Amino acid sequence: MPPLDSHPIIPYLCLSMKKILAIFFIGFALGGSAQTLDYFICEDSLYNPGGGTAVMGIYNENDILFVLGDGVKRGGTTILNRAIGKWDNNNWQDMAGTINASGSGGGKCLTYFNGFYYMGGSFAYIGTDINAAYFVYWDGDSWEGVPNSYGVMTQTVFDMTIYNNMLVIGGRFHSIGTADPLNFYCIAAYDGTDYINMGTMPETVFALETYNGELYAGGAWFTLRKYTGAGTGYDVWEDVGGYLNYYVKDMEVDTFNNFLLVAGGFTMVDDSIPCDYGIWDGFRWSGVGTGEGYALDANAICLYNGDVYLGGNWDTIGGQGVGYCAFFDGEQWQRVNSGIYTRVNALEVFRDTLFIGQDWLPTQGDTLRGTLARYYALYDGNCRYMRPRVQSITDTFYMYSGEAEVQLYNNNAYVDSWEWDFGDSGTSNVKDPTHIYTATGDYNVHVTVTDGACIKTASKIIHVLLGDEIPEIENIHFKIYPNPSDGVVYVEVGDSQGATSASQGATQSRTLTKNSGLTLRITGLNGHTKTTVPVTAEKTAINTNGWEKGTYLVNLFVDGKLVRTEKLVVE
């Protein structure tokens, strides 16, 4: 593995040699094993001898581990009581104001935003403050209801993420205070002073994640959804790829491979791909595992030492015992050490250790079990963490004027090198090359990526066809203005023969726009789709307000075939 400072944004993965040696000696001191699993017991135990308890969320914020739960105790003293406690790797610390938390459940999510800790959950109020319901902030001394002009959150908050300088909140709430329910149906944002309308969702939001600067949501429906910011209500969000066959419960960004990892109760993504969890890479879905015998939900997904860990309601996958928490070794699922013995609700990496939050199980044999476990494993030198791909906006490209320009992408921004072979004797050593083909054919494109001692190759077939597959291809009029754009951009599409730009005031009848199969797909420079817009007239308006500044690619498809690409600058 490379040194830690070469990949500063993926500390779960990259360990320097000094750090590895230091952890090795710690592991040796704990018993000489490269893997250890232990529960917080005795003084550090988290349990309730007299009733049911659960850890529902774990968050590593500002190098402190926050544990959210429902009626959780340390020894005989309540420290979480349906809310929150924190662990600094040596001691538990109570957070004043949580002791008298009341209601139908506990804390479920926590995020640090604009200098404050915000917590969401299923608590009806904290202490005697009826305004501190479901969504609160820590003012330095106690938990308080968030300032806003609408009123109190009306139901459970399950997850939060920061997007576009806002704290986005998802849950089961169907309104906030006196607001119109259509404004805050299971989704809202908070800017530090008030709630902001983010459209509406089909039903309960369980998981939110910001991926490649875009906002994704999953929940009690059968798709992954992405925020577009265009339209109103339900139309502010669009489905990503095809359907899943059950709910999304958790998501995690694999920064090194630029993947969005998606977990839940589903055993299939994109209508037909079997899986135990799904990967959305910004272009298309893929699945990991077979989806066979996967019982009930995966509640949590996490990356640790480059492997993907799942925790959930099951103790077997495809007939294999996995003890409610397991990792995928590239071929099959492996249980965590000797196994966890009850439902897992949360996973989080803190100081090179995986923390596992679960329901309370009073005993297992003669051993007292708590609701929080720690799993430590040394990185074993495998290269499973690196999963390169060859990506492109489409697989088939068409020649016009004797050339077909193909933009290719690799998903590994933090490797040492890229070596491309375009299948026609052309090569490149940049991450995302553009290559021009001058002959039709099927080309097997390869990229070999190197990261320290790890070397892997990915490939893809690119098809190049003659432009006469699309009769209008040489005569297409395709214009974008104003460019750069600072608000609304217009895209003209039509037949160029004898036409004058509509932007100059002339009106022309262009037969191409009579084709019902015209689509504009706008992507970032990484190829990931920003939005897709059907073309139904000669001039199409696209609202770019709220988009991140930068360069985008406007791709014109005719009956699913890519025929033109132009750059758009958003200022």
Protein backbone atom coordinates (compact mmCIF):
# COMPACT_ATOMS: atom_id res chain seq x y z
CA MET A 1 0.00 0.00 0.00
CA PRO A 2 1.18 3.60 -0.59
CA PRO A 3 1.87 6.00 2.28
CA LEU A 4 -1.11 7.51 4.05
CA ASP A 5 -0.42 11.04 2.85
CA SER A 6 -0.57 10.04 -0.82
CA HIS A 7 -4.33 9.44 -0.51
CA PRO A 8 -5.38 11.89 2.20
CA ILE A 9 -9.11 11.42 1.73
CA ILE A 10 -9.24 7.65 2.23
CA PRO A 11 -7.74 6.99 5.68
CA TYR A 12 -9.80 3.81 6.07
CA LEU A 13 -7.68 2.28 3.36
CA CYS A 14 -4.14 3.63 3.30
CA LEU A 15 -1.63 2.86 6.05
CA SER A 16 2.02 3.88 6.14
CA MET A 17 4.56 1.22 7.05
CA LYS A 18 5.22 2.83 10.43
CA LYS A 19 1.51 2.79 11.17
CA ILE A 20 1.17 -0.83 10.09
CA LEU A 21 4.04 -1.84 12.36
CA ALA A 22 2.59 0.14 15.24
CA ILE A 23 -0.79 -1.54 14.81
CA PHE A 24 0.90 -4.92 14.51
CA PHE A 25 2.49 -4.51 17.92
CA ILE A 26 -0.80 -3.32 19.38
CA GLY A 27 -2.47 -6.40 17.91
CA PHE A 28 0.33 -8.59 19.31
CA ALA A 29 -0.17 -7.04 22.74
CA LEU A 30 -3.87 -7.86 22.52
CA GLY A 31 -3.09 -11.49 22.00
CA GLY A 32 -0.86 -11.87 18.97
CA SER A 33 -3.74 -12.11 16.49
CA ALA A 34 -4.17 -10.12 13.30
CA GLN A 35 -7.90 -10.07 14.07
CA THR A 36 -9.65 -9.28 17.34
CA LEU A 37 -13.32 -8.89 18.22
CA ASP A 38 -14.44 -7.70 21.62
CA TYR A 39 -17.48 -6.13 23.25
CA PHE A 40 -17.58 -3.22 25.64
CA ILE A 41 -18.02 -5.06 28.92
CA CYS A 42 -17.62 -4.37 32.66
CA GLU A 43 -17.11 -0.61 33.13
CA ASP A 44 -17.40 0.07 29.42
CA SER A 45 -20.40 -2.13 28.71
CA LEU A 46 -23.37 -0.73 26.85
CA TYR A 47 -26.43 -2.67 27.88
CA ASN A 48 -29.62 -2.62 29.90
CA PRO A 49 -29.96 -5.67 32.17
CA GLY A 50 -33.66 -4.99 32.67
CA GLY A 51 -34.88 -4.45 29.12
CA GLY A 52 -34.32 -4.11 25.42
CA THR A 53 -31.68 -1.75 24.07
CA ALA A 54 -30.03 -1.04 20.74
CA VAL A 55 -27.24 1.01 19.22
CA MET A 56 -28.84 2.59 16.15
CA GLY A 57 -26.10 4.85 14.83
CA ILE A 58 -22.32 5.33 15.10
CA TYR A 59 -20.52 8.42 13.79
CA ASN A 60 -16.86 9.41 13.69
CA GLU A 61 -16.93 13.20 13.86
CA ASN A 62 -13.92 15.38 14.79
CA ASP A 63 -12.04 12.27 15.98
CA ILE A 64 -14.70 11.44 18.54
CA LEU A 65 -16.96 8.41 18.27
CA PHE A 66 -20.63 9.26 18.86
CA VAL A 67 -22.92 6.35 19.66
CA LEU A 68 -26.67 6.82 19.28
CA GLY A 69 -29.10 4.43 20.83
CA ASP A 70 -32.33 3.52 22.50
CA GLY A 71 -32.28 3.09 26.29
CA VAL A 72 -28.59 2.12 26.42
CA LYS A 73 -26.74 2.00 29.74
CA ARG A 74 -23.15 1.73 30.93
CA GLY A 75 -23.08 -0.60 33.89
CA GLY A 76 -26.03 0.58 35.98
CA THR A 77 -25.89 4.20 34.78
CA THR A 78 -27.86 5.43 31.83
CA ILE A 79 -25.65 7.36 29.40
CA LEU A 80 -27.55 7.21 26.15
CA ASN A 81 -31.19 6.86 27.20
CA ARG A 82 -32.67 7.08 23.73
CA ALA A 83 -30.18 9.65 22.55
CA ILE A 84 -26.39 9.84 22.49
CA GLY A 85 -23.04 9.31 24.20
CA LYS A 86 -19.46 9.71 22.99
CA TRP A 87 -16.26 7.70 23.27
CA ASP A 88 -12.77 9.24 22.95
CA ASN A 89 -11.05 5.83 22.74
CA ASN A 90 -10.49 5.79 26.49
CA ASN A 91 -13.68 6.81 28.28
CA TRP A 92 -17.37 7.33 27.78
CA GLN A 93 -18.62 10.88 28.15
CA ASP A 94 -22.20 11.82 28.85
CA MET A 95 -23.68 14.68 26.87
CA ALA A 96 -25.77 16.88 29.16
CA GLY A 97 -29.36 17.19 28.15
CA THR A 98 -29.77 13.62 26.97
CA ILE A 99 -30.47 12.03 30.35
CA ASN A 100 -34.19 12.74 30.26
CA ALA A 101 -34.74 11.99 26.60
CA SER A 102 -38.23 10.62 26.14
CA GLY A 103 -40.48 9.39 23.37
CA SER A 104 -40.85 6.37 21.15
CA GLY A 105 -37.21 5.76 20.35
CA GLY A 106 -33.68 7.11 20.23
CA GLY A 107 -31.09 8.91 18.21
CA LYS A 108 -30.35 7.54 14.74
CA CYS A 109 -28.04 9.96 12.90
CA LEU A 110 -25.57 12.76 13.62
CA THR A 111 -23.67 15.29 11.48
CA TYR A 112 -21.35 18.21 12.20
CA PHE A 113 -22.53 21.23 10.20
CA ASN A 114 -21.49 24.90 10.37
CA GLY A 115 -19.86 24.51 13.78
CA PHE A 116 -22.68 22.55 15.48
CA TYR A 117 -23.58 18.90 16.01
CA TYR A 118 -27.04 18.02 14.68
CA MET A 119 -28.85 14.85 15.71
CA GLY A 120 -31.91 13.18 14.24
CA GLY A 121 -33.92 10.28 15.52
CA SER A 122 -37.28 9.03 16.76
CA PHE A 123 -37.36 10.89 20.12
CA ALA A 124 -40.56 12.89 20.60
CA TYR A 125 -38.73 15.42 22.79
CA ILE A 126 -35.63 15.75 24.96
CA GLY A 127 -36.05 16.68 28.60
CA THR A 128 -39.04 19.01 28.87
CA ASP A 129 -38.42 20.90 25.61
CA ILE A 130 -41.31 20.02 23.29
CA ASN A 131 -39.53 21.87 20.48
CA ALA A 132 -36.61 19.44 20.66
CA ALA A 133 -38.34 16.73 18.65
CA TYR A 134 -36.78 14.38 16.08
CA PHE A 135 -34.16 16.93 14.93
CA VAL A 136 -31.99 18.93 17.39
CA TYR A 137 -28.63 20.64 17.69
CA TRP A 138 -26.00 20.81 20.43
CA ASP A 139 -25.49 24.41 21.64
CA GLY A 140 -22.40 23.55 23.66
CA ASP A 141 -24.28 22.70 26.85
CA SER A 142 -27.45 20.89 25.85
CA TRP A 143 -29.58 19.67 22.95
CA GLU A 144 -32.08 22.23 21.65
CA GLY A 145 -34.73 22.41 18.97
CA VAL A 146 -33.39 24.00 15.78
CA PRO A 147 -34.39 27.63 15.06
CA ASN A 148 -36.81 27.88 12.12
CA SER A 149 -40.00 29.59 10.95
CA TYR A 150 -42.16 26.48 10.44
CA GLY A 151 -42.24 24.62 13.74
CA VAL A 152 -41.36 21.15 14.98
CA MET A 153 -40.41 18.11 12.90
CA THR A 154 -43.34 15.71 13.02
CA GLN A 155 -41.73 12.26 12.73
CA THR A 156 -38.50 10.27 12.68
CA VAL A 157 -35.28 11.49 11.03
CA PHE A 158 -33.20 8.57 9.75
CA ASP A 159 -30.25 10.16 7.95
CA MET A 160 -28.49 13.43 7.08
CA THR A 161 -25.80 14.59 4.67
CA ILE A 162 -24.21 17.90 3.70
CA TYR A 163 -24.98 19.06 0.18
CA ASN A 164 -24.49 22.46 -1.46
CA ASN A 165 -23.79 24.14 1.93
CA MET A 166 -27.02 22.74 3.38
CA LEU A 167 -27.77 19.96 5.84
CA VAL A 168 -30.18 17.64 4.02
CA ILE A 169 -32.51 15.63 6.26
CA GLY A 170 -34.43 12.49 5.35
CA GLY A 171 -36.92 10.43 7.29
CA ARG A 172 -40.52 9.47 7.90
CA PHE A 173 -41.88 12.98 8.51
CA HIS A 174 -44.65 14.12 6.15
CA SER A 175 -44.55 17.77 7.21
CA ILE A 176 -42.73 20.27 9.42
CA GLY A 177 -44.82 22.38 11.79
CA THR A 178 -47.47 24.31 9.91
CA ALA A 179 -45.88 23.92 6.48
CA ASP A 180 -47.76 22.50 3.53
CA PRO A 181 -47.01 18.73 3.55
CA LEU A 182 -46.15 18.90 -0.13
CA ASN A 183 -43.16 21.08 0.77
CA PHE A 184 -41.55 18.66 3.22
CA TYR A 185 -42.61 15.11 2.44
CA CYS A 186 -39.83 12.90 3.91
CA ILE A 187 -37.08 15.26 2.69
CA ALA A 188 -35.91 18.76 3.68
CA ALA A 189 -32.78 20.85 3.98
CA TYR A 190 -31.61 23.14 6.77
CA ASP A 191 -29.23 26.08 6.22
CA GLY A 192 -28.62 26.94 9.89
CA THR A 193 -31.57 29.32 10.18
CA ASP A 194 -34.53 27.74 8.40
CA TYR A 195 -35.83 24.73 6.47
CA ILE A 196 -35.60 24.69 2.67
CA ASN A 197 -37.92 22.86 0.28
CA MET A 198 -36.18 19.95 -1.49
CA GLY A 199 -39.20 18.51 -3.27
CA THR A 200 -41.04 15.36 -2.18
CA MET A 201 -40.21 11.68 -1.91
CA PRO A 202 -42.33 8.56 -2.62
CA GLU A 203 -42.07 7.50 1.04
CA THR A 204 -39.69 7.23 4.00
CA VAL A 205 -36.05 8.18 3.32
CA PHE A 206 -33.61 5.81 5.06
CA ALA A 207 -30.32 6.85 3.43
CA LEU A 208 -28.77 10.03 2.02
CA GLU A 209 -25.33 10.47 0.47
CA THR A 210 -23.44 13.15 -1.44
CA TYR A 211 -21.54 11.53 -4.30
CA ASN A 212 -19.52 13.43 -6.93
CA GLY A 213 -21.10 16.66 -5.71
CA GLU A 214 -24.63 15.34 -6.26
CA LEU A 215 -27.31 14.31 -3.78
CA TYR A 216 -28.67 10.73 -3.72
CA ALA A 217 -31.49 9.25 -1.64
CA GLY A 218 -32.80 5.76 -0.97
CA GLY A 219 -35.68 4.52 1.12
CA ALA A 220 -39.03 2.76 1.20
CA TRP A 221 -39.42 2.54 -2.56
CA PHE A 222 -37.70 0.55 -5.30
CA THR A 223 -35.18 2.89 -6.94
CA LEU A 224 -32.19 5.04 -6.12
CA ARG A 225 -33.06 8.73 -6.61
CA LYS A 226 -30.88 11.73 -7.52
CA TYR A 227 -31.67 15.39 -6.88
CA THR A 228 -31.89 17.50 -10.03
CA GLY A 229 -33.11 20.79 -8.58
CA ALA A 230 -35.35 21.27 -11.63
CA GLY A 231 -39.16 21.29 -11.53
CA THR A 232 -41.34 21.08 -8.43
CA GLY A 233 -42.46 18.46 -5.91
CA TYR A 234 -41.75 14.89 -6.97
CA ASP A 235 -40.11 16.02 -10.24
CA VAL A 236 -37.17 17.61 -8.38
CA TRP A 237 -35.80 14.07 -8.10
CA GLU A 238 -35.15 11.48 -10.82
CA ASP A 239 -34.65 7.72 -10.69
CA VAL A 240 -31.14 6.40 -11.24
CA GLY A 241 -30.94 3.38 -13.53
CA GLY A 242 -33.53 0.61 -13.37
CA TYR A 243 -35.54 -0.81 -10.50
CA LEU A 244 -34.44 -2.62 -7.34
CA ASN A 245 -36.64 -5.31 -5.82
CA TYR A 246 -36.69 -3.87 -2.29
CA TYR A 247 -35.70 -0.90 -0.13
CA VAL A 248 -32.37 0.93 0.17
CA LYS A 249 -31.25 1.14 3.82
CA ASP A 250 -27.70 2.55 3.74
CA MET A 251 -25.08 4.01 1.38
CA GLU A 252 -21.33 4.62 1.49
CA VAL A 253 -18.97 6.37 -0.94
CA ASP A 254 -15.90 4.38 -1.98
CA THR A 255 -13.67 7.37 -2.68
CA PHE A 256 -10.74 5.44 -4.07
CA ASN A 257 -12.84 3.75 -6.78
CA ASN A 258 -15.39 6.56 -7.04
CA PHE A 259 -18.30 4.20 -6.37
CA LEU A 260 -21.55 4.71 -4.50
CA LEU A 261 -22.10 1.50 -2.51
CA VAL A 262 -25.79 0.80 -1.88
CA ALA A 263 -27.18 -1.72 0.62
CA GLY A 264 -30.65 -2.79 1.71
CA GLY A 265 -33.13 -5.62 1.43
CA PHE A 266 -32.89 -5.92 -2.35
CA THR A 267 -31.36 -8.87 -4.17
CA MET A 268 -31.44 -7.23 -7.62
CA VAL A 269 -30.49 -3.86 -9.15
CA ASP A 270 -31.23 -2.29 -12.54
CA ASP A 271 -34.22 -4.59 -13.18
CA SER A 272 -32.21 -7.79 -13.61
CA ILE A 273 -28.72 -7.81 -12.01
CA PRO A 274 -28.57 -10.19 -9.00
CA CYS A 275 -26.56 -8.93 -6.03
CA ASP A 276 -26.03 -8.81 -2.28
CA TYR A 277 -25.27 -5.10 -2.53
CA GLY A 278 -25.21 -2.72 -5.48
CA ILE A 279 -22.59 -0.38 -6.96
CA TRP A 280 -23.62 2.77 -8.81
CA ASP A 281 -20.53 4.16 -10.57
CA GLY A 282 -22.14 7.23 -12.13
CA PHE A 283 -22.65 5.42 -15.46
CA ARG A 284 -24.46 2.20 -14.66
CA TRP A 285 -25.33 -0.36 -11.96
CA SER A 286 -23.37 -3.48 -11.11
CA GLY A 287 -23.88 -6.03 -8.36
CA VAL A 288 -21.68 -7.87 -5.88
CA GLY A 289 -22.62 -11.39 -4.89
CA THR A 290 -25.45 -13.51 -6.28
CA GLY A 291 -28.45 -12.42 -4.24
CA GLU A 292 -29.17 -16.05 -3.32
CA GLY A 293 -30.58 -16.77 0.11
CA TYR A 294 -30.19 -13.19 1.28
CA ALA A 295 -32.68 -12.93 4.14
CA LEU A 296 -34.29 -9.63 5.12
CA ASP A 297 -32.33 -6.36 5.23
CA ALA A 298 -28.74 -5.22 5.23
CA ASN A 299 -28.97 -2.24 7.59
CA ALA A 300 -25.43 -0.90 7.26
CA ILE A 301 -22.55 -0.86 4.77
CA CYS A 302 -18.99 0.26 5.46
CA LEU A 303 -15.47 0.15 3.99
CA TYR A 304 -12.71 -1.13 6.24
CA ASN A 305 -9.17 -2.03 5.09
CA GLY A 306 -10.41 -1.84 1.50
CA ASP A 307 -13.11 -4.48 1.97
CA VAL A 308 -16.87 -3.89 2.01
CA TYR A 309 -18.62 -4.91 5.24
CA LEU A 310 -22.36 -5.45 5.64
CA GLY A 311 -24.35 -5.66 8.84
CA GLY A 312 -27.98 -6.60 9.05
CA ASN A 313 -30.85 -8.83 10.11
CA TRP A 314 -29.46 -12.08 8.75
CA ASP A 315 -26.97 -14.67 9.95
CA THR A 316 -26.59 -16.54 6.66
CA ILE A 317 -26.00 -15.58 3.03
CA GLY A 318 -26.65 -18.31 0.47
CA GLY A 319 -26.63 -20.89 3.26
CA GLN A 320 -23.25 -19.71 4.58
CA GLY A 321 -23.13 -18.62 8.22
CA VAL A 322 -21.93 -15.02 8.49
CA GLY A 323 -23.08 -14.02 11.96
CA TYR A 324 -24.96 -10.78 11.13
CA CYS A 325 -21.78 -8.98 10.01
CA ALA A 326 -19.49 -10.04 7.16
CA PHE A 327 -17.13 -8.78 4.48
CA PHE A 328 -16.81 -9.79 0.84
CA ASP A 329 -13.34 -11.12 -0.04
CA GLY A 330 -13.84 -10.84 -3.80
CA GLU A 331 -15.33 -14.31 -4.11
CA GLN A 332 -17.48 -14.99 -1.07
CA TRP A 333 -18.66 -13.57 2.25
CA GLN A 334 -16.50 -14.06 5.34
CA ARG A 335 -17.77 -13.69 8.88
CA VAL A 336 -16.21 -11.15 11.22
CA ASN A 337 -13.95 -13.20 13.50
CA SER A 338 -16.14 -15.56 15.55
CA GLY A 339 -19.29 -13.72 14.54
CA ILE A 340 -21.84 -11.28 15.89
CA TYR A 341 -24.86 -12.78 17.63
CA THR A 342 -27.73 -10.37 16.97
CA ARG A 343 -29.01 -7.82 14.46
CA VAL A 344 -26.48 -5.18 13.37
CA ASN A 345 -27.80 -1.63 12.91
CA ALA A 346 -24.66 0.46 12.36
CA LEU A 347 -21.02 0.24 11.24
CA GLU A 348 -18.29 2.89 11.53
CA VAL A 349 -14.48 3.02 11.33
CA PHE A 350 -12.79 4.87 14.18
CA ARG A 351 -9.00 4.96 14.66
CA ASP A 352 -8.36 1.93 12.44
CA THR A 353 -11.01 -0.16 14.19
CA LEU A 354 -14.46 -1.17 12.93
CA PHE A 355 -17.20 -0.45 15.48
CA ILE A 356 -20.37 -2.55 15.24
CA GLY A 357 -23.65 -1.37 16.77
CA GLN A 358 -26.37 -3.92 17.40
CA ASP A 359 -29.37 -4.97 19.43
CA TRP A 360 -28.86 -6.13 23.01
CA LEU A 361 -28.29 -9.86 23.54
CA PRO A 362 -28.08 -10.62 27.30
CA THR A 363 -25.79 -13.63 27.15
CA GLN A 364 -24.13 -16.00 24.73
CA GLY A 365 -23.16 -19.03 26.74
CA ASP A 366 -21.31 -17.68 29.78
CA THR A 367 -20.20 -14.52 28.01
CA LEU A 368 -21.87 -11.17 28.59
CA ARG A 369 -22.60 -9.42 25.28
CA GLY A 370 -23.11 -5.70 24.91
CA THR A 371 -24.65 -3.60 22.18
CA LEU A 372 -21.33 -2.28 20.84
CA ALA A 373 -18.45 -4.38 19.53
CA ARG A 374 -14.98 -3.53 18.22
CA TYR A 375 -13.37 -5.45 15.39
CA TYR A 376 -9.72 -4.93 14.55
CA ALA A 377 -7.94 -6.50 11.57
CA LEU A 378 -4.57 -5.83 9.97
CA TYR A 379 -4.48 -4.98 6.27
CA ASP A 380 -3.26 -8.26 4.74
CA GLY A 381 -1.57 -6.82 1.64
CA ASN A 382 -4.25 -7.83 -0.85
CA CYS A 383 -5.17 -5.53 -3.72
CA ARG A 384 -8.93 -6.01 -3.44
CA TYR A 385 -9.39 -2.34 -2.64
CA MET A 386 -8.55 -1.38 -6.24
CA ARG A 387 -11.39 -1.98 -8.72
CA PRO A 388 -10.60 -0.21 -12.02
CA ARG A 389 -13.14 0.27 -14.81
CA VAL A 390 -13.21 1.55 -18.37
CA GLN A 391 -16.19 3.87 -18.63
CA SER A 392 -17.87 5.83 -21.43
CA ILE A 393 -21.19 7.55 -21.91
CA THR A 394 -22.18 4.90 -24.48
CA ASP A 395 -20.70 1.75 -26.03
CA THR A 396 -21.39 2.71 -29.66
CA PHE A 397 -20.04 5.76 -31.50
CA TYR A 398 -20.72 6.99 -35.04
CA MET A 399 -18.30 8.43 -37.57
CA TYR A 400 -18.90 11.67 -39.40
CA SER A 401 -16.34 13.59 -41.45
CA GLY A 402 -14.27 10.40 -41.31
CA GLU A 403 -13.78 10.40 -37.52
CA ALA A 404 -15.38 9.17 -34.32
CA GLU A 405 -14.26 10.97 -31.18
CA VAL A 406 -14.52 8.78 -28.08
CA GLN A 407 -14.18 10.11 -24.54
CA LEU A 408 -13.06 7.44 -22.07
CA TYR A 409 -12.90 7.53 -18.29
CA ASN A 410 -11.20 5.61 -15.50
CA ASN A 411 -12.64 5.63 -11.98
CA ASN A 412 -9.33 5.65 -10.04
CA ALA A 413 -8.16 9.23 -9.47
CA TYR A 414 -5.57 8.39 -6.80
CA VAL A 415 -3.42 5.70 -8.42
CA ASP A 416 0.19 6.22 -9.52
CA SER A 417 -0.31 5.71 -13.26
CA TRP A 418 -2.67 4.80 -16.09
CA GLU A 419 -1.71 2.94 -19.29
CA TRP A 420 -4.36 2.90 -22.01
CA ASP A 421 -4.50 0.68 -25.10
CA PHE A 422 -7.29 1.78 -27.45
CA GLY A 423 -7.25 -1.40 -29.54
CA ASP A 424 -6.09 0.33 -32.73
CA SER A 425 -2.38 0.74 -31.76
CA GLY A 426 -3.18 4.05 -30.01
CA THR A 427 -2.09 4.57 -26.39
CA SER A 428 -2.30 7.17 -23.62
CA ASN A 429 -1.13 7.65 -20.02
CA VAL A 430 -3.70 10.13 -18.69
CA LYS A 431 -6.68 9.28 -16.50
CA ASP A 432 -9.51 10.26 -18.86
CA PRO A 433 -8.28 10.29 -22.46
CA THR A 434 -10.05 11.28 -25.66
CA HIS A 435 -9.29 9.07 -28.67
CA ILE A 436 -10.23 9.53 -32.33
CA TYR A 437 -11.00 6.41 -34.37
CA THR A 438 -10.70 6.68 -38.15
CA ALA A 439 -12.08 3.26 -39.09
CA THR A 440 -15.18 1.31 -38.17
CA GLY A 441 -14.89 -1.79 -36.04
CA ASP A 442 -15.07 -3.26 -32.54
CA TYR A 443 -12.18 -2.14 -30.33
CA ASN A 444 -11.12 -3.83 -27.09
CA VAL A 445 -10.01 -0.90 -24.92
CA HIS A 446 -7.80 -1.64 -21.90
CA VAL A 447 -6.58 0.47 -19.00
CA THR A 448 -3.91 -0.78 -16.60
CA VAL A 449 -3.69 1.13 -13.33
CA THR A 450 -0.80 0.94 -10.88
CA ASP A 451 -0.95 1.85 -7.20
CA GLY A 452 2.23 0.91 -5.35
CA ALA A 453 2.62 -2.84 -5.69
CA CYS A 454 -0.95 -3.28 -6.93
CA ILE A 455 -1.49 -3.52 -10.70
CA LYS A 456 -4.88 -4.22 -12.26
CA THR A 457 -6.38 -4.06 -15.75
CA ALA A 458 -9.93 -3.36 -16.89
CA SER A 459 -11.34 -3.56 -20.40
CA LYS A 460 -14.38 -2.66 -22.49
CA ILE A 461 -15.52 -3.17 -26.09
CA ILE A 462 -16.16 0.05 -28.03
CA HIS A 463 -18.16 -0.16 -31.28
CA VAL A 464 -17.49 2.38 -34.05
CA LEU A 465 -20.01 2.51 -36.91
CA LEU A 466 -20.48 4.61 -40.02
CA GLY A 467 -22.48 7.80 -39.62
CA ASP A 468 -24.86 6.73 -42.38
CA GLU A 469 -26.53 4.60 -39.70
CA ILE A 470 -28.17 7.95 -38.87
CA PRO A 471 -29.19 9.67 -42.15
CA GLU A 472 -29.19 13.19 -40.66
CA ILE A 473 -25.81 12.97 -38.93
CA GLU A 474 -23.87 15.17 -41.38
CA ASN A 475 -26.60 17.82 -41.44
CA ILE A 476 -27.36 18.25 -37.75
CA HIS A 477 -27.54 21.82 -36.46
CA PHE A 478 -26.50 21.78 -32.77
CA LYS A 479 -25.94 25.06 -30.94
CA ILE A 480 -25.69 26.00 -27.24
CA TYR A 481 -26.10 29.59 -25.99
CA PRO A 482 -25.37 31.60 -23.99
CA ASN A 483 -22.14 29.78 -23.31
CA PRO A 484 -20.81 30.40 -20.66
CA SER A 485 -24.15 30.26 -18.83
CA ASP A 486 -25.08 31.78 -15.49
CA GLY A 487 -28.72 30.73 -15.32
CA VAL A 488 -30.67 29.38 -18.30
CA VAL A 489 -28.99 27.87 -21.35
CA TYR A 490 -30.71 27.14 -24.67
CA VAL A 491 -29.92 24.20 -26.93
CA GLU A 492 -30.97 24.33 -30.59
CA VAL A 493 -31.32 21.07 -32.50
CA GLY A 494 -32.38 20.68 -36.13
CA ASP A 495 -31.32 20.20 -39.74
CA SER A 496 -28.57 22.63 -40.67
CA GLN A 497 -29.27 22.85 -44.43
CA GLY A 498 -30.42 26.38 -45.21
CA ALA A 499 -31.25 27.10 -41.54
CA THR A 500 -30.59 30.34 -39.73
CA SER A 501 -30.13 30.24 -35.96
CA ALA A 502 -33.35 30.84 -34.06
CA SER A 503 -31.28 32.91 -31.65
CA GLN A 504 -31.02 35.48 -34.44
CA GLY A 505 -34.78 35.77 -34.72
CA ALA A 506 -35.46 33.51 -37.72
CA THR A 507 -37.86 30.57 -37.63
CA GLN A 508 -37.16 27.41 -39.61
CA SER A 509 -38.93 24.07 -39.92
CA ARG A 510 -36.41 21.42 -39.01
CA THR A 511 -37.44 17.85 -39.66
CA LEU A 512 -35.00 16.40 -37.13
CA THR A 513 -37.02 17.77 -34.21
CA LYS A 514 -40.02 15.77 -35.41
CA ASN A 515 -38.10 12.68 -34.28
CA SER A 516 -39.48 11.62 -30.91
CA GLY A 517 -36.19 9.95 -29.96
CA LEU A 518 -34.07 13.08 -29.38
CA THR A 519 -32.48 13.39 -25.94
CA LEU A 520 -29.89 15.68 -24.36
CA ARG A 521 -27.73 14.04 -21.72
CA ILE A 522 -25.59 16.51 -19.81
CA THR A 523 -22.58 15.10 -18.00
CA GLY A 524 -19.70 16.36 -15.92
CA LEU A 525 -16.14 16.03 -17.19
CA ASN A 526 -16.02 12.70 -15.34
CA GLY A 527 -18.81 11.42 -17.61
CA HIS A 528 -21.38 11.15 -14.83
CA THR A 529 -24.84 12.25 -15.90
CA LYS A 530 -26.03 15.56 -14.45
CA THR A 531 -29.45 15.51 -16.07
CA THR A 532 -31.32 14.07 -19.06
CA VAL A 533 -33.71 16.27 -21.03
CA PRO A 534 -36.04 15.16 -23.88
CA VAL A 535 -35.99 17.37 -27.01
CA THR A 536 -39.51 18.21 -28.17
CA ALA A 537 -38.91 21.51 -29.99
CA GLU A 538 -36.20 23.29 -31.97
CA LYS A 539 -35.07 25.15 -28.85
CA THR A 540 -34.79 23.55 -25.40
CA ALA A 541 -34.25 25.60 -22.22
CA ILE A 542 -32.16 24.11 -19.42
CA ASN A 543 -32.00 25.77 -16.00
CA THR A 544 -28.41 25.66 -14.65
CA ASN A 545 -29.13 27.62 -11.45
CA GLY A 546 -27.63 25.77 -8.48
CA TRP A 547 -25.16 23.77 -10.59
CA GLU A 548 -21.56 23.77 -9.48
CA LYS A 549 -19.38 26.08 -11.56
CA GLY A 550 -17.33 24.30 -14.18
CA THR A 551 -17.40 22.59 -17.56
CA TYR A 552 -20.09 20.14 -18.64
CA LEU A 553 -20.62 18.05 -21.77
CA VAL A 554 -23.92 18.33 -23.65
CA ASN A 555 -24.48 15.07 -25.54
CA LEU A 556 -27.16 14.72 -28.22
CA PHE A 557 -28.68 11.27 -28.68
CA VAL A 558 -30.92 10.32 -31.61
CA ASP A 559 -32.88 7.11 -30.95
CA GLY A 560 -30.33 6.19 -28.26
CA LYS A 561 -27.34 6.89 -30.53
CA LEU A 562 -24.78 9.53 -29.56
CA VAL A 563 -24.32 11.92 -32.50
CA ARG A 564 -22.92 15.19 -31.11
CA THR A 565 -21.08 16.47 -28.05
CA GLU A 566 -20.42 20.11 -27.15
CA LYS A 567 -18.93 21.71 -24.05
CA LEU A 568 -20.97 23.98 -21.77
CA VAL A 569 -19.38 26.28 -19.18
CA VAL A 570 -21.44 27.22 -16.12
CA GLU A 571 -20.29 30.31 -14.25
